[in-house]
Amino acid sequence: MIAAVFWSALATGTLLIGMALAYRNVVGPRWTGLIMAFGAGAIISAAAYQLVLGAIIEDIGKYYLVGLGMAAGAFTFYFSDKWVDHLGGAQRMNMDGEQSTGSGMGILLGSMLDGVPESLVLGLSLVHSPQVSIAFIFAIAISNIPQGLGGTAGMLSSGWPRSKITRLWLAVCGLSILAAVLGYSLALLVPGANGATIDAFAAGALLVMLSDSMIPESFEHGGRETGLFMVLGFAVALAMTLAQLGG
């Protein structure tokens, strides 16, 4: 349980680093978009090699479970995201201040929704995996920096007070840690809960989240180099995965 709290706090705490950088205004929208692209590439690598491939290896011969799990995760995130958008969280990652048209509760729920799949899987994996996946932690941590950066910059532009923004990100961090603890507890109560279907479910949810919010926002602000940074993020996360497997 302590491990779930520690690693989740380490991974999600980078939201607060992004928030602090936005407060100091030391990173412009272009570099925020490029960091977001790097993080998106790292998440894609983690989804492919940590979750999908791991699910296939775990349940060899039951590939249909992987497909069904990914589809279920994708649809679950899609409909949850539509509900959050209806509540006013559609522009939660916008860097141009569009948060003013939404609601604080919607933006909080949307930001939490973006972090729940990876936090839940992180907690699940800590029960049965022999070692923590550094590549997966890295992917989550890197992707959270531009989320905190871009979201905070947009909220500042829309007139949100810093105290309200700080409380929002602290709540998101706390809820993400709670999701990791929930995943850890679920794996203890139901030993098969870390199986192929759940890993695939998380991968499907993550890929829809990336294509819905992170990737479009990164291309909008990062410019032509966005694709290069996305591939770089993918390659770095893959190299970390292979290095850990080889070690």
C-alpha atoms as a PDB file:
ATOM      1  CA  MET A   1       0.000   0.000   0.000  1.00  0.00           C
ATOM      2  CA  ILE A   2       2.820   2.396   0.890  1.00  0.00           C
ATOM      3  CA  ALA A   3       4.499   1.582  -2.421  1.00  0.00           C
ATOM      4  CA  ALA A   4       1.290   2.438  -4.315  1.00  0.00           C
ATOM      5  CA  VAL A   5       1.069   5.802  -2.555  1.00  0.00           C
ATOM      6  CA  PHE A   6       4.780   6.556  -3.085  1.00  0.00           C
ATOM      7  CA  TRP A   7       4.995   5.722  -6.804  1.00  0.00           C
ATOM      8  CA  SER A   8       1.656   7.321  -7.603  1.00  0.00           C
ATOM      9  CA  ALA A   9       2.633  10.487  -5.746  1.00  0.00           C
ATOM     10  CA  LEU A  10       5.940  10.556  -7.620  1.00  0.00           C
ATOM     11  CA  ALA A  11       4.239  10.156 -10.992  1.00  0.00           C
ATOM     12  CA  THR A  12       1.299  12.512 -10.454  1.00  0.00           C
ATOM     13  CA  GLY A  13       3.235  15.079  -8.433  1.00  0.00           C
ATOM     14  CA  THR A  14       4.749  16.404 -11.667  1.00  0.00           C
ATOM     15  CA  LEU A  15       1.389  18.095 -12.244  1.00  0.00           C
ATOM     16  CA  LEU A  16       2.478  20.496  -9.516  1.00  0.00           C
ATOM     17  CA  ILE A  17       5.828  21.047 -11.287  1.00  0.00           C
ATOM     18  CA  GLY A  18       3.918  22.043 -14.406  1.00  0.00           C
ATOM     19  CA  MET A  19       1.708  24.334 -12.323  1.00  0.00           C
ATOM     20  CA  ALA A  20       4.749  26.014 -10.727  1.00  0.00           C
ATOM     21  CA  LEU A  21       6.392  26.543 -14.136  1.00  0.00           C
ATOM     22  CA  ALA A  22       3.195  28.161 -15.416  1.00  0.00           C
ATOM     23  CA  TYR A  23       3.057  30.458 -12.374  1.00  0.00           C
ATOM     24  CA  ARG A  24       6.585  31.640 -13.132  1.00  0.00           C
ATOM     25  CA  ASN A  25       5.810  31.898 -16.856  1.00  0.00           C
ATOM     26  CA  VAL A  26       9.162  30.347 -17.807  1.00  0.00           C
ATOM     27  CA  VAL A  27       7.819  27.947 -20.473  1.00  0.00           C
ATOM     28  CA  GLY A  28       5.910  29.307 -23.465  1.00  0.00           C
ATOM     29  CA  PRO A  29       3.008  27.631 -25.277  1.00  0.00           C
ATOM     30  CA  ARG A  30       5.258  26.204 -28.024  1.00  0.00           C
ATOM     31  CA  TRP A  31       7.543  24.355 -25.630  1.00  0.00           C
ATOM     32  CA  THR A  32       4.563  23.269 -23.566  1.00  0.00           C
ATOM     33  CA  GLY A  33       3.126  21.722 -26.725  1.00  0.00           C
ATOM     34  CA  LEU A  34       6.419  19.998 -27.515  1.00  0.00           C
ATOM     35  CA  ILE A  35       6.754  18.599 -23.979  1.00  0.00           C
ATOM     36  CA  MET A  36       3.164  17.422 -24.282  1.00  0.00           C
ATOM     37  CA  ALA A  37       4.048  15.657 -27.546  1.00  0.00           C
ATOM     38  CA  PHE A  38       7.043  13.979 -25.876  1.00  0.00           C
ATOM     39  CA  GLY A  39       4.783  12.823 -23.037  1.00  0.00           C
ATOM     40  CA  ALA A  40       2.171  11.549 -25.475  1.00  0.00           C
ATOM     41  CA  GLY A  41       4.812   9.480 -27.262  1.00  0.00           C
ATOM     42  CA  ALA A  42       5.973   8.029 -23.943  1.00  0.00           C
ATOM     43  CA  ILE A  43       2.383   7.111 -23.014  1.00  0.00           C
ATOM     44  CA  ILE A  44       1.848   5.435 -26.409  1.00  0.00           C
ATOM     45  CA  SER A  45       4.991   3.366 -25.822  1.00  0.00           C
ATOM     46  CA  ALA A  46       3.836   2.430 -22.316  1.00  0.00           C
ATOM     47  CA  ALA A  47       0.380   1.467 -23.614  1.00  0.00           C
ATOM     48  CA  ALA A  48       1.866  -0.664 -26.381  1.00  0.00           C
ATOM     49  CA  TYR A  49       4.703  -2.437 -24.567  1.00  0.00           C
ATOM     50  CA  GLN A  50       3.719  -2.299 -20.899  1.00  0.00           C
ATOM     51  CA  LEU A  51      -0.027  -2.843 -21.207  1.00  0.00           C
ATOM     52  CA  VAL A  52      -1.040  -4.397 -24.538  1.00  0.00           C
ATOM     53  CA  LEU A  53       2.012  -6.603 -25.039  1.00  0.00           C
ATOM     54  CA  GLY A  54       1.999  -7.499 -21.358  1.00  0.00           C
ATOM     55  CA  ALA A  55      -1.666  -8.469 -21.624  1.00  0.00           C
ATOM     56  CA  ILE A  56      -1.002 -10.665 -24.661  1.00  0.00           C
ATOM     57  CA  ILE A  57       1.877 -12.445 -22.923  1.00  0.00           C
ATOM     58  CA  GLU A  58      -0.140 -12.878 -19.751  1.00  0.00           C
ATOM     59  CA  ASP A  59      -3.096 -14.560 -21.470  1.00  0.00           C
ATOM     60  CA  ILE A  60      -1.564 -16.336 -24.469  1.00  0.00           C
ATOM     61  CA  GLY A  61      -4.292 -17.822 -26.621  1.00  0.00           C
ATOM     62  CA  LYS A  62      -6.993 -15.466 -25.330  1.00  0.00           C
ATOM     63  CA  TYR A  63      -6.278 -12.564 -27.653  1.00  0.00           C
ATOM     64  CA  TYR A  64      -9.963 -11.759 -27.924  1.00  0.00           C
ATOM     65  CA  LEU A  65      -9.834 -10.634 -24.272  1.00  0.00           C
ATOM     66  CA  VAL A  66      -7.218  -8.048 -25.197  1.00  0.00           C
ATOM     67  CA  GLY A  67      -9.355  -6.739 -28.039  1.00  0.00           C
ATOM     68  CA  LEU A  68     -12.497  -6.669 -25.919  1.00  0.00           C
ATOM     69  CA  GLY A  69     -10.635  -5.008 -23.066  1.00  0.00           C
ATOM     70  CA  MET A  70      -9.243  -2.252 -25.304  1.00  0.00           C
ATOM     71  CA  ALA A  71     -12.668  -1.645 -26.844  1.00  0.00           C
ATOM     72  CA  ALA A  72     -14.296  -1.493 -23.405  1.00  0.00           C
ATOM     73  CA  GLY A  73     -11.660   0.962 -22.149  1.00  0.00           C
ATOM     74  CA  ALA A  74     -11.991   3.132 -25.243  1.00  0.00           C
ATOM     75  CA  PHE A  75     -15.787   3.323 -25.041  1.00  0.00           C
ATOM     76  CA  THR A  76     -15.746   3.870 -21.286  1.00  0.00           C
ATOM     77  CA  PHE A  77     -13.363   6.808 -21.573  1.00  0.00           C
ATOM     78  CA  TYR A  78     -15.236   8.198 -24.590  1.00  0.00           C
ATOM     79  CA  PHE A  79     -18.612   8.283 -22.860  1.00  0.00           C
ATOM     80  CA  SER A  80     -17.117   9.442 -19.547  1.00  0.00           C
ATOM     81  CA  ASP A  81     -15.360  12.251 -21.392  1.00  0.00           C
ATOM     82  CA  LYS A  82     -18.621  13.264 -23.087  1.00  0.00           C
ATOM     83  CA  TRP A  83     -20.286  13.421 -19.679  1.00  0.00           C
ATOM     84  CA  VAL A  84     -17.428  15.543 -18.293  1.00  0.00           C
ATOM     85  CA  ASP A  85     -17.622  17.840 -21.333  1.00  0.00           C
ATOM     86  CA  HIS A  86     -21.342  18.319 -20.647  1.00  0.00           C
ATOM     87  CA  LEU A  87     -20.457  19.344 -17.072  1.00  0.00           C
ATOM     88  CA  GLY A  88     -18.067  22.018 -18.361  1.00  0.00           C
ATOM     89  CA  GLY A  89     -14.707  20.248 -18.515  1.00  0.00           C
ATOM     90  CA  ALA A  90     -14.213  20.157 -22.290  1.00  0.00           C
ATOM     91  CA  GLN A  91     -11.464  22.811 -22.317  1.00  0.00           C
ATOM     92  CA  ARG A  92      -9.534  21.554 -19.280  1.00  0.00           C
ATOM     93  CA  MET A  93      -6.206  21.311 -21.157  1.00  0.00           C
ATOM     94  CA  ASN A  94      -6.659  24.374 -23.338  1.00  0.00           C
ATOM     95  CA  MET A  95      -3.740  26.837 -23.130  1.00  0.00           C
ATOM     96  CA  ASP A  96      -5.658  29.855 -24.441  1.00  0.00           C
ATOM     97  CA  GLY A  97      -7.987  30.471 -21.508  1.00  0.00           C
ATOM     98  CA  GLU A  98     -11.077  28.639 -22.748  1.00  0.00           C
ATOM     99  CA  GLN A  99     -11.600  27.288 -19.219  1.00  0.00           C
ATOM    100  CA  SER A 100     -13.618  30.453 -18.577  1.00  0.00           C
ATOM    101  CA  THR A 101     -16.475  28.901 -20.559  1.00  0.00           C
ATOM    102  CA  GLY A 102     -16.515  25.765 -18.386  1.00  0.00           C
ATOM    103  CA  SER A 103     -16.965  24.941 -14.727  1.00  0.00           C
ATOM    104  CA  GLY A 104     -14.515  24.216 -11.954  1.00  0.00           C
ATOM    105  CA  MET A 105     -16.162  20.901 -11.154  1.00  0.00           C
ATOM    106  CA  GLY A 106     -16.105  19.819 -14.810  1.00  0.00           C
ATOM    107  CA  ILE A 107     -12.435  20.707 -15.171  1.00  0.00           C
ATOM    108  CA  LEU A 108     -11.610  18.876 -11.925  1.00  0.00           C
ATOM    109  CA  LEU A 109     -13.495  15.753 -13.030  1.00  0.00           C
ATOM    110  CA  GLY A 110     -11.944  15.887 -16.495  1.00  0.00           C
ATOM    111  CA  SER A 111      -8.413  16.259 -15.150  1.00  0.00           C
ATOM    112  CA  MET A 112      -9.056  13.367 -12.784  1.00  0.00           C
ATOM    113  CA  LEU A 113     -10.449  11.280 -15.647  1.00  0.00           C
ATOM    114  CA  ASP A 114      -7.230  11.830 -17.614  1.00  0.00           C
ATOM    115  CA  GLY A 115      -5.163  10.393 -14.766  1.00  0.00           C
ATOM    116  CA  VAL A 116      -7.334   7.545 -13.500  1.00  0.00           C
ATOM    117  CA  PRO A 117      -6.452   4.755 -16.012  1.00  0.00           C
ATOM    118  CA  GLU A 118      -2.687   4.871 -15.509  1.00  0.00           C
ATOM    119  CA  SER A 119      -2.984   5.359 -11.722  1.00  0.00           C
ATOM    120  CA  LEU A 120      -5.333   2.385 -11.412  1.00  0.00           C
ATOM    121  CA  VAL A 121      -3.020   0.133 -13.439  1.00  0.00           C
ATOM    122  CA  LEU A 122      -0.016   1.353 -11.465  1.00  0.00           C
ATOM    123  CA  GLY A 123      -1.658   0.236  -8.240  1.00  0.00           C
ATOM    124  CA  LEU A 124      -2.707  -3.108  -9.736  1.00  0.00           C
ATOM    125  CA  SER A 125       0.771  -3.847 -11.078  1.00  0.00           C
ATOM    126  CA  LEU A 126       2.548  -3.225  -7.776  1.00  0.00           C
ATOM    127  CA  VAL A 127       0.920  -6.270  -6.171  1.00  0.00           C
ATOM    128  CA  HIS A 128       2.099  -8.934  -8.613  1.00  0.00           C
ATOM    129  CA  SER A 129       5.001  -7.435 -10.595  1.00  0.00           C
ATOM    130  CA  PRO A 130       8.485  -8.311  -9.324  1.00  0.00           C
ATOM    131  CA  GLN A 131       9.692  -4.771  -9.948  1.00  0.00           C
ATOM    132  CA  VAL A 132       8.201  -1.369 -10.633  1.00  0.00           C
ATOM    133  CA  SER A 133       8.114  -0.416 -14.307  1.00  0.00           C
ATOM    134  CA  ILE A 134      10.329   2.672 -14.391  1.00  0.00           C
ATOM    135  CA  ALA A 135       9.326   3.290 -18.013  1.00  0.00           C
ATOM    136  CA  PHE A 136       5.644   3.411 -17.052  1.00  0.00           C
ATOM    137  CA  ILE A 137       6.309   5.764 -14.123  1.00  0.00           C
ATOM    138  CA  PHE A 138       8.425   7.927 -16.431  1.00  0.00           C
ATOM    139  CA  ALA A 139       5.679   8.079 -19.068  1.00  0.00           C
ATOM    140  CA  ILE A 140       3.044   9.162 -16.541  1.00  0.00           C
ATOM    141  CA  ALA A 141       5.330  11.719 -14.901  1.00  0.00           C
ATOM    142  CA  ILE A 142       6.438  13.309 -18.182  1.00  0.00           C
ATOM    143  CA  SER A 143       2.897  13.510 -19.562  1.00  0.00           C
ATOM    144  CA  ASN A 144       1.666  15.208 -16.376  1.00  0.00           C
ATOM    145  CA  ILE A 145       4.120  18.138 -16.613  1.00  0.00           C
ATOM    146  CA  PRO A 146       2.550  19.683 -19.753  1.00  0.00           C
ATOM    147  CA  GLN A 147      -0.925  18.889 -18.434  1.00  0.00           C
ATOM    148  CA  GLY A 148      -0.169  20.993 -15.364  1.00  0.00           C
ATOM    149  CA  LEU A 149       1.584  23.610 -17.493  1.00  0.00           C
ATOM    150  CA  GLY A 150      -1.056  23.996 -20.180  1.00  0.00           C
ATOM    151  CA  GLY A 151      -4.028  23.705 -17.873  1.00  0.00           C
ATOM    152  CA  THR A 152      -2.619  26.243 -15.420  1.00  0.00           C
ATOM    153  CA  ALA A 153      -1.686  28.695 -18.172  1.00  0.00           C
ATOM    154  CA  GLY A 154      -5.202  28.481 -19.571  1.00  0.00           C
ATOM    155  CA  MET A 155      -6.818  28.950 -16.173  1.00  0.00           C
ATOM    156  CA  LEU A 156      -4.620  31.971 -15.464  1.00  0.00           C
ATOM    157  CA  SER A 157      -5.594  33.464 -18.831  1.00  0.00           C
ATOM    158  CA  SER A 158      -9.266  32.909 -18.059  1.00  0.00           C
ATOM    159  CA  GLY A 159      -8.945  34.760 -14.746  1.00  0.00           C
ATOM    160  CA  TRP A 160      -8.826  31.903 -12.237  1.00  0.00           C
ATOM    161  CA  PRO A 161      -7.082  32.900  -8.964  1.00  0.00           C
ATOM    162  CA  ARG A 162      -3.925  30.984  -8.142  1.00  0.00           C
ATOM    163  CA  SER A 163      -5.384  29.663  -4.902  1.00  0.00           C
ATOM    164  CA  LYS A 164      -8.240  27.994  -6.802  1.00  0.00           C
ATOM    165  CA  ILE A 165      -5.857  26.533  -9.405  1.00  0.00           C
ATOM    166  CA  THR A 166      -3.562  25.156  -6.685  1.00  0.00           C
ATOM    167  CA  ARG A 167      -6.480  23.522  -4.887  1.00  0.00           C
ATOM    168  CA  LEU A 168      -7.647  21.940  -8.142  1.00  0.00           C
ATOM    169  CA  TRP A 169      -4.274  20.343  -8.932  1.00  0.00           C
ATOM    170  CA  LEU A 170      -3.814  19.180  -5.343  1.00  0.00           C
ATOM    171  CA  ALA A 171      -7.241  17.528  -5.565  1.00  0.00           C
ATOM    172  CA  VAL A 172      -6.302  15.844  -8.856  1.00  0.00           C
ATOM    173  CA  CYS A 173      -3.065  14.522  -7.321  1.00  0.00           C
ATOM    174  CA  GLY A 174      -4.926  13.258  -4.281  1.00  0.00           C
ATOM    175  CA  LEU A 175      -7.612  11.527  -6.337  1.00  0.00           C
ATOM    176  CA  SER A 176      -4.987   9.948  -8.624  1.00  0.00           C
ATOM    177  CA  ILE A 177      -3.158   8.550  -5.601  1.00  0.00           C
ATOM    178  CA  LEU A 178      -6.493   7.258  -4.326  1.00  0.00           C
ATOM    179  CA  ALA A 179      -7.028   5.501  -7.681  1.00  0.00           C
ATOM    180  CA  ALA A 180      -3.641   3.786  -7.324  1.00  0.00           C
ATOM    181  CA  VAL A 181      -4.525   2.665  -3.800  1.00  0.00           C
ATOM    182  CA  LEU A 182      -7.866   1.393  -5.106  1.00  0.00           C
ATOM    183  CA  GLY A 183      -6.070  -0.596  -7.805  1.00  0.00           C
ATOM    184  CA  TYR A 184      -3.662  -2.027  -5.251  1.00  0.00           C
ATOM    185  CA  SER A 185      -6.507  -3.015  -2.928  1.00  0.00           C
ATOM    186  CA  LEU A 186      -8.475  -4.539  -5.805  1.00  0.00           C
ATOM    187  CA  ALA A 187      -5.503  -6.709  -6.788  1.00  0.00           C
ATOM    188  CA  LEU A 188      -5.192  -7.962  -3.202  1.00  0.00           C
ATOM    189  CA  LEU A 189      -8.888  -8.789  -2.929  1.00  0.00           C
ATOM    190  CA  VAL A 190      -9.197 -10.272  -6.432  1.00  0.00           C
ATOM    191  CA  PRO A 191      -5.867 -11.880  -7.463  1.00  0.00           C
ATOM    192  CA  GLY A 192      -6.917 -12.047 -11.111  1.00  0.00           C
ATOM    193  CA  ALA A 193      -7.731  -8.336 -11.255  1.00  0.00           C
ATOM    194  CA  ASN A 194      -4.366  -7.505 -12.813  1.00  0.00           C
ATOM    195  CA  GLY A 195      -5.077  -9.736 -15.798  1.00  0.00           C
ATOM    196  CA  ALA A 196      -4.982  -9.108 -19.505  1.00  0.00           C
ATOM    197  CA  THR A 197      -8.425  -7.576 -19.778  1.00  0.00           C
ATOM    198  CA  ILE A 198      -7.739  -4.822 -17.233  1.00  0.00           C
ATOM    199  CA  ASP A 199      -4.361  -3.942 -18.761  1.00  0.00           C
ATOM    200  CA  ALA A 200      -5.995  -3.791 -22.191  1.00  0.00           C
ATOM    201  CA  PHE A 201      -8.878  -1.740 -20.761  1.00  0.00           C
ATOM    202  CA  ALA A 202      -6.413   0.873 -19.476  1.00  0.00           C
ATOM    203  CA  ALA A 203      -4.557   0.924 -22.813  1.00  0.00           C
ATOM    204  CA  GLY A 204      -7.781   1.596 -24.708  1.00  0.00           C
ATOM    205  CA  ALA A 205      -8.736   4.408 -22.336  1.00  0.00           C
ATOM    206  CA  LEU A 206      -5.265   5.978 -22.543  1.00  0.00           C
ATOM    207  CA  LEU A 207      -5.164   5.935 -26.345  1.00  0.00           C
ATOM    208  CA  VAL A 208      -8.560   7.635 -26.611  1.00  0.00           C
ATOM    209  CA  MET A 209      -7.453  10.243 -24.052  1.00  0.00           C
ATOM    210  CA  LEU A 210      -4.301  10.982 -26.061  1.00  0.00           C
ATOM    211  CA  SER A 211      -6.099  11.344 -29.378  1.00  0.00           C
ATOM    212  CA  ASP A 212      -8.878  13.401 -27.814  1.00  0.00           C
ATOM    213  CA  SER A 213      -6.873  15.967 -25.883  1.00  0.00           C
ATOM    214  CA  MET A 214      -3.082  15.721 -25.602  1.00  0.00           C
ATOM    215  CA  ILE A 215      -2.150  15.124 -29.233  1.00  0.00           C
ATOM    216  CA  PRO A 216      -4.414  17.825 -30.782  1.00  0.00           C
ATOM    217  CA  GLU A 217      -3.303  20.377 -28.178  1.00  0.00           C
ATOM    218  CA  SER A 218       0.374  19.546 -28.693  1.00  0.00           C
ATOM    219  CA  PHE A 219       0.110  19.916 -32.477  1.00  0.00           C
ATOM    220  CA  GLU A 220      -1.774  23.196 -32.140  1.00  0.00           C
ATOM    221  CA  HIS A 221       0.970  24.816 -30.078  1.00  0.00           C
ATOM    222  CA  GLY A 222       4.092  22.777 -30.829  1.00  0.00           C
ATOM    223  CA  GLY A 223       4.282  23.371 -34.560  1.00  0.00           C
ATOM    224  CA  ARG A 224       6.039  21.186 -37.132  1.00  0.00           C
ATOM    225  CA  GLU A 225       8.442  19.627 -34.639  1.00  0.00           C
ATOM    226  CA  THR A 226       5.592  18.050 -32.649  1.00  0.00           C
ATOM    227  CA  GLY A 227       5.808  14.745 -34.512  1.00  0.00           C
ATOM    228  CA  LEU A 228       9.555  14.551 -33.892  1.00  0.00           C
ATOM    229  CA  PHE A 229       9.121  15.068 -30.145  1.00  0.00           C
ATOM    230  CA  MET A 230       6.349  12.469 -30.037  1.00  0.00           C
ATOM    231  CA  VAL A 231       8.597   9.872 -31.675  1.00  0.00           C
ATOM    232  CA  LEU A 232      11.439  10.878 -29.345  1.00  0.00           C
ATOM    233  CA  GLY A 233       9.210  10.326 -26.310  1.00  0.00           C
ATOM    234  CA  PHE A 234       8.157   6.944 -27.677  1.00  0.00           C
ATOM    235  CA  ALA A 235      11.784   5.942 -28.291  1.00  0.00           C
ATOM    236  CA  VAL A 236      13.018   7.024 -24.850  1.00  0.00           C
ATOM    237  CA  ALA A 237      10.219   5.155 -23.046  1.00  0.00           C
ATOM    238  CA  LEU A 238      10.837   2.072 -25.210  1.00  0.00           C
ATOM    239  CA  ALA A 239      14.579   2.198 -24.466  1.00  0.00           C
ATOM    240  CA  MET A 240      13.812   2.374 -20.739  1.00  0.00           C
ATOM    241  CA  THR A 241      11.486  -0.631 -21.036  1.00  0.00           C
ATOM    242  CA  LEU A 242      14.090  -2.695 -22.892  1.00  0.00           C
ATOM    243  CA  ALA A 243      16.841  -1.656 -20.475  1.00  0.00           C
ATOM    244  CA  GLN A 244      14.764  -2.747 -17.489  1.00  0.00           C
ATOM    245  CA  LEU A 245      13.865  -6.056 -19.132  1.00  0.00           C
ATOM    246  CA  GLY A 246      17.503  -6.644 -20.000  1.00  0.00           C
ATOM    247  CA  GLY A 247      18.596  -5.834 -16.484  1.00  0.00           C
END
